[in-house]
PDB file of N, CA and C in Angstrom:
ATOM      1  N   MET A   1     -60.947  12.273 -16.082  1.00  0.00           N
ATOM      2  CA  MET A   1     -61.721  14.027 -14.857  1.00  0.00           C
ATOM      3  C   MET A   1     -59.989  13.585 -14.205  1.00  0.00           C
ATOM      4  N   LYS A   2     -60.069  15.197 -14.000  1.00  0.00           N
ATOM      5  CA  LYS A   2     -58.179  15.289 -13.788  1.00  0.00           C
ATOM      6  C   LYS A   2     -58.623  15.479 -12.317  1.00  0.00           C
ATOM      7  N   ASN A   3     -57.133  15.296 -12.025  1.00  0.00           N
ATOM      8  CA  ASN A   3     -57.155  15.057 -10.946  1.00  0.00           C
ATOM      9  C   ASN A   3     -57.566  15.973  -9.105  1.00  0.00           C
ATOM     10  N   ASP A   4     -57.441  17.279 -10.996  1.00  0.00           N
ATOM     11  CA  ASP A   4     -57.568  18.335  -9.068  1.00  0.00           C
ATOM     12  C   ASP A   4     -58.931  18.491  -9.119  1.00  0.00           C
ATOM     13  N   ASP A   5     -59.825  17.458  -9.634  1.00  0.00           N
ATOM     14  CA  ASP A   5     -61.905  17.910 -10.288  1.00  0.00           C
ATOM     15  C   ASP A   5     -61.671  16.384  -9.351  1.00  0.00           C
ATOM     16  N   TYR A   6     -61.339  15.477 -10.106  1.00  0.00           N
ATOM     17  CA  TYR A   6     -61.404  13.191  -8.723  1.00  0.00           C
ATOM     18  C   TYR A   6     -61.392  14.338  -7.111  1.00  0.00           C
ATOM     19  N   LEU A   7     -60.282  14.979  -7.202  1.00  0.00           N
ATOM     20  CA  LEU A   7     -59.753  15.618  -5.187  1.00  0.00           C
ATOM     21  C   LEU A   7     -60.736  16.216  -5.158  1.00  0.00           C
ATOM     22  N   ASN A   8     -61.628  17.188  -5.218  1.00  0.00           N
ATOM     23  CA  ASN A   8     -62.328  17.591  -5.392  1.00  0.00           C
ATOM     24  C   ASN A   8     -63.945  16.920  -4.641  1.00  0.00           C
ATOM     25  N   SER A   9     -63.955  16.290  -5.569  1.00  0.00           N
ATOM     26  CA  SER A   9     -64.862  15.695  -5.081  1.00  0.00           C
ATOM     27  C   SER A   9     -65.119  14.759  -4.753  1.00  0.00           C
ATOM     28  N   ILE A  10     -64.669  14.036  -4.589  1.00  0.00           N
ATOM     29  CA  ILE A  10     -64.316  13.405  -3.091  1.00  0.00           C
ATOM     30  C   ILE A  10     -64.333  13.929  -2.244  1.00  0.00           C
ATOM     31  N   TYR A  11     -63.695  15.501  -1.852  1.00  0.00           N
ATOM     32  CA  TYR A  11     -63.806  15.960  -0.878  1.00  0.00           C
ATOM     33  C   TYR A  11     -65.665  16.937  -0.484  1.00  0.00           C
ATOM     34  N   ASP A  12     -66.899  17.172  -1.490  1.00  0.00           N
ATOM     35  CA  ASP A  12     -67.092  17.464  -1.854  1.00  0.00           C
ATOM     36  C   ASP A  12     -68.000  16.301  -1.701  1.00  0.00           C
ATOM     37  N   GLU A  13     -68.029  15.190  -1.710  1.00  0.00           N
ATOM     38  CA  GLU A  13     -69.492  13.619  -1.672  1.00  0.00           C
ATOM     39  C   GLU A  13     -68.471  13.897   0.170  1.00  0.00           C
ATOM     40  N   VAL A  14     -67.368  13.295   0.568  1.00  0.00           N
ATOM     41  CA  VAL A  14     -67.063  13.375   2.312  1.00  0.00           C
ATOM     42  C   VAL A  14     -68.479  14.097   2.867  1.00  0.00           C
ATOM     43  N   LYS A  15     -67.842  15.566   2.351  1.00  0.00           N
ATOM     44  CA  LYS A  15     -68.373  16.423   3.169  1.00  0.00           C
ATOM     45  C   LYS A  15     -69.622  16.297   3.267  1.00  0.00           C
ATOM     46  N   GLU A  16     -71.005  16.010   2.163  1.00  0.00           N
ATOM     47  CA  GLU A  16     -71.887  16.196   1.899  1.00  0.00           C
ATOM     48  C   GLU A  16     -72.453  15.739   2.040  1.00  0.00           C
ATOM     49  N   LEU A  17     -71.688  14.168   2.602  1.00  0.00           N
ATOM     50  CA  LEU A  17     -72.042  13.347   3.655  1.00  0.00           C
ATOM     51  C   LEU A  17     -72.552  13.714   5.313  1.00  0.00           C
ATOM     52  N   GLY A  18     -71.360  14.602   5.509  1.00  0.00           N
ATOM     53  CA  GLY A  18     -71.018  15.431   6.551  1.00  0.00           C
ATOM     54  C   GLY A  18     -70.265  14.779   7.538  1.00  0.00           C
ATOM     55  N   PHE A  19     -69.730  13.971   7.235  1.00  0.00           N
ATOM     56  CA  PHE A  19     -68.522  13.320   8.063  1.00  0.00           C
ATOM     57  C   PHE A  19     -67.033  13.888   8.143  1.00  0.00           C
ATOM     58  N   VAL A  20     -67.208  15.950   7.167  1.00  0.00           N
ATOM     59  CA  VAL A  20     -65.981  16.099   7.635  1.00  0.00           C
ATOM     60  C   VAL A  20     -67.217  17.814   7.438  1.00  0.00           C
ATOM     61  N   ALA A  21     -66.326  18.506   8.045  1.00  0.00           N
ATOM     62  CA  ALA A  21     -66.720  19.844   8.233  1.00  0.00           C
ATOM     63  C   ALA A  21     -65.662  20.922   7.245  1.00  0.00           C
ATOM     64  N   ASN A  22     -64.540  20.487   7.023  1.00  0.00           N
ATOM     65  CA  ASN A  22     -63.643  21.171   6.457  1.00  0.00           C
ATOM     66  C   ASN A  22     -62.768  20.158   6.053  1.00  0.00           C
ATOM     67  N   GLN A  23     -61.425  20.482   5.289  1.00  0.00           N
ATOM     68  CA  GLN A  23     -60.515  19.916   4.960  1.00  0.00           C
ATOM     69  C   GLN A  23     -59.354  20.079   5.860  1.00  0.00           C
ATOM     70  N   TYR A  24     -59.246  20.590   6.868  1.00  0.00           N
ATOM     71  CA  TYR A  24     -59.099  20.355   8.039  1.00  0.00           C
ATOM     72  C   TYR A  24     -59.150  18.787   8.735  1.00  0.00           C
ATOM     73  N   ASP A  25     -60.646  18.731   8.062  1.00  0.00           N
ATOM     74  CA  ASP A  25     -61.048  17.349   9.092  1.00  0.00           C
ATOM     75  C   ASP A  25     -60.855  16.247   7.678  1.00  0.00           C
ATOM     76  N   PHE A  26     -60.685  16.851   6.942  1.00  0.00           N
ATOM     77  CA  PHE A  26     -60.829  15.815   5.657  1.00  0.00           C
ATOM     78  C   PHE A  26     -59.595  14.862   5.789  1.00  0.00           C
ATOM     79  N   SER A  27     -58.111  16.077   5.969  1.00  0.00           N
ATOM     80  CA  SER A  27     -57.142  15.659   6.361  1.00  0.00           C
ATOM     81  C   SER A  27     -56.382  14.773   7.542  1.00  0.00           C
ATOM     82  N   VAL A  28     -58.061  14.588   8.042  1.00  0.00           N
ATOM     83  CA  VAL A  28     -57.194  13.461   9.867  1.00  0.00           C
ATOM     84  C   VAL A  28     -58.454  12.565   8.454  1.00  0.00           C
ATOM     85  N   LEU A  29     -59.543  12.454   8.768  1.00  0.00           N
ATOM     86  CA  LEU A  29     -60.215  11.745   8.408  1.00  0.00           C
ATOM     87  C   LEU A  29     -58.915  11.027   7.003  1.00  0.00           C
ATOM     88  N   CYS A  30     -58.592  11.153   6.258  1.00  0.00           N
ATOM     89  CA  CYS A  30     -57.706  10.027   5.432  1.00  0.00           C
ATOM     90  C   CYS A  30     -56.187  10.287   6.213  1.00  0.00           C
ATOM     91  N   GLY A  31     -56.451  10.455   7.486  1.00  0.00           N
ATOM     92  CA  GLY A  31     -54.946   9.660   8.258  1.00  0.00           C
ATOM     93  C   GLY A  31     -53.312  10.535   8.461  1.00  0.00           C
ATOM     94  N   ARG A  32     -53.825  11.590   8.076  1.00  0.00           N
ATOM     95  CA  ARG A  32     -52.951  12.775   7.679  1.00  0.00           C
ATOM     96  C   ARG A  32     -52.807  14.137   8.953  1.00  0.00           C
ATOM     97  N   THR A  33     -52.160  15.138   8.828  1.00  0.00           N
ATOM     98  CA  THR A  33     -52.036  15.790   9.210  1.00  0.00           C
ATOM     99  C   THR A  33     -52.382  17.038   8.180  1.00  0.00           C
ATOM    100  N   PRO A  34     -53.093  18.093   9.418  1.00  0.00           N
ATOM    101  CA  PRO A  34     -54.669  18.618   9.431  1.00  0.00           C
ATOM    102  C   PRO A  34     -53.904  19.508   7.591  1.00  0.00           C
ATOM    103  N   ALA A  35     -52.558  20.159   7.919  1.00  0.00           N
ATOM    104  CA  ALA A  35     -52.422  20.334   6.140  1.00  0.00           C
ATOM    105  C   ALA A  35     -52.460  19.785   4.888  1.00  0.00           C
ATOM    106  N   TRP A  36     -52.400  18.557   5.230  1.00  0.00           N
ATOM    107  CA  TRP A  36     -52.054  17.630   4.170  1.00  0.00           C
ATOM    108  C   TRP A  36     -53.128  17.726   2.996  1.00  0.00           C
ATOM    109  N   PHE A  37     -54.380  17.770   3.075  1.00  0.00           N
ATOM    110  CA  PHE A  37     -55.425  18.191   1.718  1.00  0.00           C
ATOM    111  C   PHE A  37     -54.761  19.554   1.320  1.00  0.00           C
ATOM    112  N   SER A  38     -54.700  20.647   1.993  1.00  0.00           N
ATOM    113  CA  SER A  38     -54.454  21.583   0.865  1.00  0.00           C
ATOM    114  C   SER A  38     -53.093  21.401   0.412  1.00  0.00           C
ATOM    115  N   ALA A  39     -52.252  20.872   1.091  1.00  0.00           N
ATOM    116  CA  ALA A  39     -50.843  21.310   0.307  1.00  0.00           C
ATOM    117  C   ALA A  39     -50.711  20.702  -0.965  1.00  0.00           C
ATOM    118  N   ILE A  40     -51.348  18.985  -0.987  1.00  0.00           N
ATOM    119  CA  ILE A  40     -51.468  18.316  -2.428  1.00  0.00           C
ATOM    120  C   ILE A  40     -52.376  18.759  -3.348  1.00  0.00           C
ATOM    121  N   LYS A  41     -53.594  19.286  -3.193  1.00  0.00           N
ATOM    122  CA  LYS A  41     -53.662  20.051  -4.426  1.00  0.00           C
ATOM    123  C   LYS A  41     -53.232  21.128  -4.075  1.00  0.00           C
ATOM    124  N   ALA A  42     -52.231  22.361  -3.832  1.00  0.00           N
ATOM    125  CA  ALA A  42     -51.563  23.126  -4.478  1.00  0.00           C
ATOM    126  C   ALA A  42     -50.447  22.749  -4.979  1.00  0.00           C
ATOM    127  N   ARG A  43     -50.614  21.260  -4.770  1.00  0.00           N
ATOM    128  CA  ARG A  43     -48.794  21.150  -5.092  1.00  0.00           C
ATOM    129  C   ARG A  43     -49.302  19.928  -6.240  1.00  0.00           C
ATOM    130  N   ARG A  44     -50.511  20.244  -6.880  1.00  0.00           N
ATOM    131  CA  ARG A  44     -51.706  19.133  -7.002  1.00  0.00           C
ATOM    132  C   ARG A  44     -50.810  17.839  -7.821  1.00  0.00           C
ATOM    133  N   LEU A  45     -50.585  16.957  -6.224  1.00  0.00           N
ATOM    134  CA  LEU A  45     -50.154  16.193  -6.333  1.00  0.00           C
ATOM    135  C   LEU A  45     -51.606  14.933  -6.317  1.00  0.00           C
ATOM    136  N   PRO A  46     -51.213  13.712  -6.916  1.00  0.00           N
ATOM    137  CA  PRO A  46     -52.644  12.508  -6.837  1.00  0.00           C
ATOM    138  C   PRO A  46     -52.422  11.980  -5.167  1.00  0.00           C
ATOM    139  N   MET A  47     -53.482  11.907  -4.286  1.00  0.00           N
ATOM    140  CA  MET A  47     -53.936  10.822  -3.381  1.00  0.00           C
ATOM    141  C   MET A  47     -52.236   9.829  -3.020  1.00  0.00           C
ATOM    142  N   THR A  48     -51.907   9.301  -1.996  1.00  0.00           N
ATOM    143  CA  THR A  48     -51.628   8.371  -2.232  1.00  0.00           C
ATOM    144  C   THR A  48     -52.669   7.755  -1.818  1.00  0.00           C
ATOM    145  N   VAL A  49     -51.974   5.547  -2.228  1.00  0.00           N
ATOM    146  CA  VAL A  49     -52.700   4.878  -1.979  1.00  0.00           C
ATOM    147  C   VAL A  49     -53.349   4.259  -0.268  1.00  0.00           C
ATOM    148  N   ASP A  50     -52.322   4.959   0.649  1.00  0.00           N
ATOM    149  CA  ASP A  50     -53.050   4.980   1.594  1.00  0.00           C
ATOM    150  C   ASP A  50     -54.044   5.925   1.925  1.00  0.00           C
ATOM    151  N   ALA A  51     -53.748   6.387   1.715  1.00  0.00           N
ATOM    152  CA  ALA A  51     -54.924   8.597   1.912  1.00  0.00           C
ATOM    153  C   ALA A  51     -55.988   6.826   1.564  1.00  0.00           C
ATOM    154  N   TYR A  52     -56.092   7.036   0.069  1.00  0.00           N
ATOM    155  CA  TYR A  52     -57.278   6.379   0.612  1.00  0.00           C
ATOM    156  C   TYR A  52     -57.911   4.826   0.594  1.00  0.00           C
ATOM    157  N   LEU A  53     -56.929   4.047   1.062  1.00  0.00           N
ATOM    158  CA  LEU A  53     -57.539   3.106   2.067  1.00  0.00           C
ATOM    159  C   LEU A  53     -58.310   3.968   3.629  1.00  0.00           C
ATOM    160  N   MET A  54     -57.350   4.539   4.004  1.00  0.00           N
ATOM    161  CA  MET A  54     -57.067   4.751   5.345  1.00  0.00           C
ATOM    162  C   MET A  54     -59.167   5.888   5.178  1.00  0.00           C
ATOM    163  N   LEU A  55     -58.916   6.884   3.842  1.00  0.00           N
ATOM    164  CA  LEU A  55     -60.199   8.040   3.905  1.00  0.00           C
ATOM    165  C   LEU A  55     -61.283   6.244   3.615  1.00  0.00           C
ATOM    166  N   SER A  56     -61.225   5.123   3.254  1.00  0.00           N
ATOM    167  CA  SER A  56     -62.359   4.547   2.603  1.00  0.00           C
ATOM    168  C   SER A  56     -62.186   3.911   3.654  1.00  0.00           C
ATOM    169  N   HIS A  57     -61.466   2.890   4.749  1.00  0.00           N
ATOM    170  CA  HIS A  57     -61.115   2.384   6.403  1.00  0.00           C
ATOM    171  C   HIS A  57     -62.843   3.197   6.830  1.00  0.00           C
ATOM    172  N   ASN A  58     -61.851   4.883   7.025  1.00  0.00           N
ATOM    173  CA  ASN A  58     -63.121   5.459   7.641  1.00  0.00           C
ATOM    174  C   ASN A  58     -64.185   5.634   7.060  1.00  0.00           C
ATOM    175  N   ILE A  59     -64.519   6.003   6.382  1.00  0.00           N
ATOM    176  CA  ILE A  59     -65.768   6.086   5.553  1.00  0.00           C
ATOM    177  C   ILE A  59     -66.763   4.607   6.416  1.00  0.00           C
ATOM    178  N   SER A  60     -66.583   3.390   5.480  1.00  0.00           N
ATOM    179  CA  SER A  60     -67.325   2.464   6.486  1.00  0.00           C
ATOM    180  C   SER A  60     -67.448   1.920   7.664  1.00  0.00           C
ATOM    181  N   GLN A  61     -66.336   2.075   8.187  1.00  0.00           N
ATOM    182  CA  GLN A  61     -66.483   2.468   9.847  1.00  0.00           C
ATOM    183  C   GLN A  61     -67.980   3.685  10.065  1.00  0.00           C
ATOM    184  N   LYS A  62     -68.036   4.698   9.807  1.00  0.00           N
ATOM    185  CA  LYS A  62     -68.947   5.553   9.308  1.00  0.00           C
ATOM    186  C   LYS A  62     -70.298   5.415   9.160  1.00  0.00           C
ATOM    187  N   ALA A  63     -70.199   5.091   8.126  1.00  0.00           N
ATOM    188  CA  ALA A  63     -71.517   4.491   7.224  1.00  0.00           C
ATOM    189  C   ALA A  63     -72.099   3.641   8.335  1.00  0.00           C
ATOM    190  N   VAL A  64     -71.418   2.717   8.713  1.00  0.00           N
ATOM    191  CA  VAL A  64     -72.629   1.850   9.898  1.00  0.00           C
ATOM    192  C   VAL A  64     -72.592   2.456  10.820  1.00  0.00           C
ATOM    193  N   THR A  65     -72.659   4.114  11.145  1.00  0.00           N
ATOM    194  CA  THR A  65     -74.285   4.487  12.118  1.00  0.00           C
ATOM    195  C   THR A  65     -74.271   4.917  11.287  1.00  0.00           C
ATOM    196  N   ILE A  66     -75.173   5.009  10.174  1.00  0.00           N
ATOM    197  CA  ILE A  66     -75.579   5.736   9.674  1.00  0.00           C
ATOM    198  C   ILE A  66     -77.701   5.055   9.303  1.00  0.00           C
ATOM    199  N   ASP A  67     -78.593   5.763  10.200  1.00  0.00           N
ATOM    200  CA  ASP A  67     -79.223   4.889  10.011  1.00  0.00           C
ATOM    201  C   ASP A  67     -80.241   6.596   8.729  1.00  0.00           C
ATOM    202  N   ASP A  68     -80.076   6.877   8.073  1.00  0.00           N
ATOM    203  CA  ASP A  68     -80.486   6.913   6.619  1.00  0.00           C
ATOM    204  C   ASP A  68     -79.675   5.622   5.909  1.00  0.00           C
ATOM    205  N   ARG A  69     -80.385   4.376   5.629  1.00  0.00           N
ATOM    206  CA  ARG A  69     -80.676   3.822   4.470  1.00  0.00           C
ATOM    207  C   ARG A  69     -79.617   4.173   2.304  1.00  0.00           C
ATOM    208  N   ARG A  70     -80.309   4.853   2.737  1.00  0.00           N
ATOM    209  CA  ARG A  70     -79.624   5.657   0.874  1.00  0.00           C
ATOM    210  C   ARG A  70     -78.564   7.178   0.964  1.00  0.00           C
ATOM    211  N   LYS A  71     -78.284   7.353   2.612  1.00  0.00           N
ATOM    212  CA  LYS A  71     -77.409   7.685   2.723  1.00  0.00           C
ATOM    213  C   LYS A  71     -76.178   7.045   2.833  1.00  0.00           C
ATOM    214  N   ARG A  72     -76.322   5.833   4.297  1.00  0.00           N
ATOM    215  CA  ARG A  72     -75.693   4.705   4.346  1.00  0.00           C
ATOM    216  C   ARG A  72     -74.875   3.975   3.400  1.00  0.00           C
ATOM    217  N   LYS A  73     -75.376   3.775   2.094  1.00  0.00           N
ATOM    218  CA  LYS A  73     -74.961   3.384   0.628  1.00  0.00           C
ATOM    219  C   LYS A  73     -74.405   3.801   0.055  1.00  0.00           C
ATOM    220  N   ARG A  74     -74.989   5.219  -0.049  1.00  0.00           N
ATOM    221  CA  ARG A  74     -73.641   6.592  -0.591  1.00  0.00           C
ATOM    222  C   ARG A  74     -72.112   6.008  -0.230  1.00  0.00           C
ATOM    223  N   ALA A  75     -72.743   5.999   1.236  1.00  0.00           N
ATOM    224  CA  ALA A  75     -70.415   5.946   2.089  1.00  0.00           C
ATOM    225  C   ALA A  75     -70.337   4.906   1.103  1.00  0.00           C
ATOM    226  N   LEU A  76     -71.008   3.692   1.203  1.00  0.00           N
ATOM    227  CA  LEU A  76     -70.264   2.549   1.431  1.00  0.00           C
ATOM    228  C   LEU A  76     -69.531   2.309  -0.113  1.00  0.00           C
ATOM    229  N   THR A  77     -70.981   3.129  -0.595  1.00  0.00           N
ATOM    230  CA  THR A  77     -70.308   3.276  -2.629  1.00  0.00           C
ATOM    231  C   THR A  77     -69.080   3.844  -2.274  1.00  0.00           C
ATOM    232  N   LEU A  78     -68.648   5.017  -1.858  1.00  0.00           N
ATOM    233  CA  LEU A  78     -68.265   5.683  -1.853  1.00  0.00           C
ATOM    234  C   LEU A  78     -65.839   5.355  -1.236  1.00  0.00           C
ATOM    235  N   SER A  79     -66.487   4.521  -0.448  1.00  0.00           N
ATOM    236  CA  SER A  79     -65.979   3.448   0.174  1.00  0.00           C
ATOM    237  C   SER A  79     -65.640   2.683  -0.349  1.00  0.00           C
ATOM    238  N   GLU A  80     -65.928   2.204  -1.528  1.00  0.00           N
ATOM    239  CA  GLU A  80     -65.924   0.923  -2.722  1.00  0.00           C
ATOM    240  C   GLU A  80     -65.257   1.618  -3.388  1.00  0.00           C
ATOM    241  N   ARG A  81     -65.708   3.283  -3.748  1.00  0.00           N
ATOM    242  CA  ARG A  81     -65.073   3.349  -4.971  1.00  0.00           C
ATOM    243  C   ARG A  81     -63.429   4.449  -5.107  1.00  0.00           C
ATOM    244  N   LEU A  82     -63.332   4.106  -3.775  1.00  0.00           N
ATOM    245  CA  LEU A  82     -61.375   4.654  -2.722  1.00  0.00           C
ATOM    246  C   LEU A  82     -60.618   3.281  -3.244  1.00  0.00           C
ATOM    247  N   VAL A  83     -61.424   2.499  -2.446  1.00  0.00           N
ATOM    248  CA  VAL A  83     -60.627   1.256  -2.912  1.00  0.00           C
ATOM    249  C   VAL A  83     -60.396   0.970  -3.916  1.00  0.00           C
ATOM    250  N   LYS A  84     -60.759   1.683  -5.743  1.00  0.00           N
ATOM    251  CA  LYS A  84     -60.801   1.146  -6.382  1.00  0.00           C
ATOM    252  C   LYS A  84     -59.549   1.999  -7.526  1.00  0.00           C
ATOM    253  N   GLY A  85     -59.476   3.649  -6.838  1.00  0.00           N
ATOM    254  CA  GLY A  85     -58.686   4.241  -7.321  1.00  0.00           C
ATOM    255  C   GLY A  85     -57.506   3.968  -6.640  1.00  0.00           C
ATOM    256  N   ALA A  86     -57.233   2.604  -5.313  1.00  0.00           N
ATOM    257  CA  ALA A  86     -55.883   2.164  -4.685  1.00  0.00           C
ATOM    258  C   ALA A  86     -55.411   1.307  -5.380  1.00  0.00           C
ATOM    259  N   GLN A  87     -56.420   1.029  -6.138  1.00  0.00           N
ATOM    260  CA  GLN A  87     -56.109  -0.332  -7.144  1.00  0.00           C
ATOM    261  C   GLN A  87     -55.725  -0.139  -8.279  1.00  0.00           C
ATOM    262  N   GLN A  88     -55.817   0.938  -8.635  1.00  0.00           N
ATOM    263  CA  GLN A  88     -55.854   1.525  -9.445  1.00  0.00           C
ATOM    264  C   GLN A  88     -54.324   2.405  -9.684  1.00  0.00           C
ATOM    265  N   GLN A  89     -54.016   3.212  -8.288  1.00  0.00           N
ATOM    266  CA  GLN A  89     -52.835   3.836  -8.608  1.00  0.00           C
ATOM    267  C   GLN A  89     -51.385   2.785  -8.509  1.00  0.00           C
ATOM    268  N   ILE A  90     -51.943   1.688  -8.085  1.00  0.00           N
ATOM    269  CA  ILE A  90     -50.885   0.384  -7.630  1.00  0.00           C
ATOM    270  C   ILE A  90     -50.977  -0.272  -9.309  1.00  0.00           C
ATOM    271  N   SER A  91     -51.536  -0.295  -9.770  1.00  0.00           N
ATOM    272  CA  SER A  91     -52.004  -0.593 -11.318  1.00  0.00           C
ATOM    273  C   SER A  91     -50.703  -0.269 -12.136  1.00  0.00           C
ATOM    274  N   GLU A  92     -50.937   1.035 -12.071  1.00  0.00           N
ATOM    275  CA  GLU A  92     -50.276   2.201 -12.634  1.00  0.00           C
ATOM    276  C   GLU A  92     -48.496   1.821 -12.595  1.00  0.00           C
ATOM    277  N   ARG A  93     -48.199   2.338 -11.478  1.00  0.00           N
ATOM    278  CA  ARG A  93     -46.753   1.712 -10.681  1.00  0.00           C
ATOM    279  C   ARG A  93     -46.666   0.985 -10.942  1.00  0.00           C
ATOM    280  N   ALA A  94     -47.280  -0.460 -10.970  1.00  0.00           N
ATOM    281  CA  ALA A  94     -46.476  -2.154 -11.374  1.00  0.00           C
ATOM    282  C   ALA A  94     -46.458  -2.092 -12.331  1.00  0.00           C
ATOM    283  N   GLU A  95     -46.930  -0.894 -13.862  1.00  0.00           N
ATOM    284  CA  GLU A  95     -46.918  -0.818 -14.687  1.00  0.00           C
ATOM    285  C   GLU A  95     -45.462   0.073 -15.328  1.00  0.00           C
ATOM    286  N   ARG A  96     -45.579   0.686 -14.797  1.00  0.00           N
ATOM    287  CA  ARG A  96     -44.548   2.003 -15.038  1.00  0.00           C
ATOM    288  C   ARG A  96     -42.842   0.764 -13.877  1.00  0.00           C
ATOM    289  N   VAL A  97     -42.709   0.842 -12.976  1.00  0.00           N
ATOM    290  CA  VAL A  97     -41.776  -0.892 -12.149  1.00  0.00           C
ATOM    291  C   VAL A  97     -41.418  -1.513 -13.578  1.00  0.00           C
ATOM    292  N   VAL A  98     -42.164  -1.700 -14.253  1.00  0.00           N
ATOM    293  CA  VAL A  98     -42.706  -3.498 -15.166  1.00  0.00           C
ATOM    294  C   VAL A  98     -41.663  -2.580 -17.339  1.00  0.00           C
ATOM    295  N   GLU A  99     -42.327  -1.481 -17.074  1.00  0.00           N
ATOM    296  CA  GLU A  99     -41.808  -1.113 -18.680  1.00  0.00           C
ATOM    297  C   GLU A  99     -40.209  -0.402 -17.677  1.00  0.00           C
ATOM    298  N   LEU A 100     -39.811   0.267 -16.657  1.00  0.00           N
ATOM    299  CA  LEU A 100     -38.283   0.215 -16.650  1.00  0.00           C
ATOM    300  C   LEU A 100     -37.681  -0.605 -16.430  1.00  0.00           C
ATOM    301  N   TYR A 101     -38.262  -1.515 -16.601  1.00  0.00           N
ATOM    302  CA  TYR A 101     -36.675  -3.030 -16.329  1.00  0.00           C
ATOM    303  C   TYR A 101     -37.573  -3.167 -17.383  1.00  0.00           C
ATOM    304  N   MET A 102     -38.306  -3.103 -17.643  1.00  0.00           N
ATOM    305  CA  MET A 102     -37.718  -3.710 -19.468  1.00  0.00           C
ATOM    306  C   MET A 102     -37.599  -3.292 -20.703  1.00  0.00           C
ATOM    307  N   SER A 103     -36.749  -1.716 -19.985  1.00  0.00           N
ATOM    308  CA  SER A 103     -36.068  -1.443 -20.987  1.00  0.00           C
ATOM    309  C   SER A 103     -35.178  -0.568 -21.191  1.00  0.00           C
TER     310      SER A 103
END
């Protein structure tokens, strides 16, 4: 899945869960300024590790307040996927560092 599609799918899912109403709210939920999400989309940048982790944390915090078990499980699953996304980015960066070091 392309980065743009992945970011939009995360945003759409967070919005469907009712945690945000718009991109500004999403940016703030990621621990960023209100215009952050629009800016990274326009520049086709990936989410940063810290944005993944902040969003995961905030979603898991909100999930515990959800009465609907299916919706709560969906939110917690998304939170876990975001942590895995952060881990993947860290691994990819580590591989690039090793490649640079070895060359």
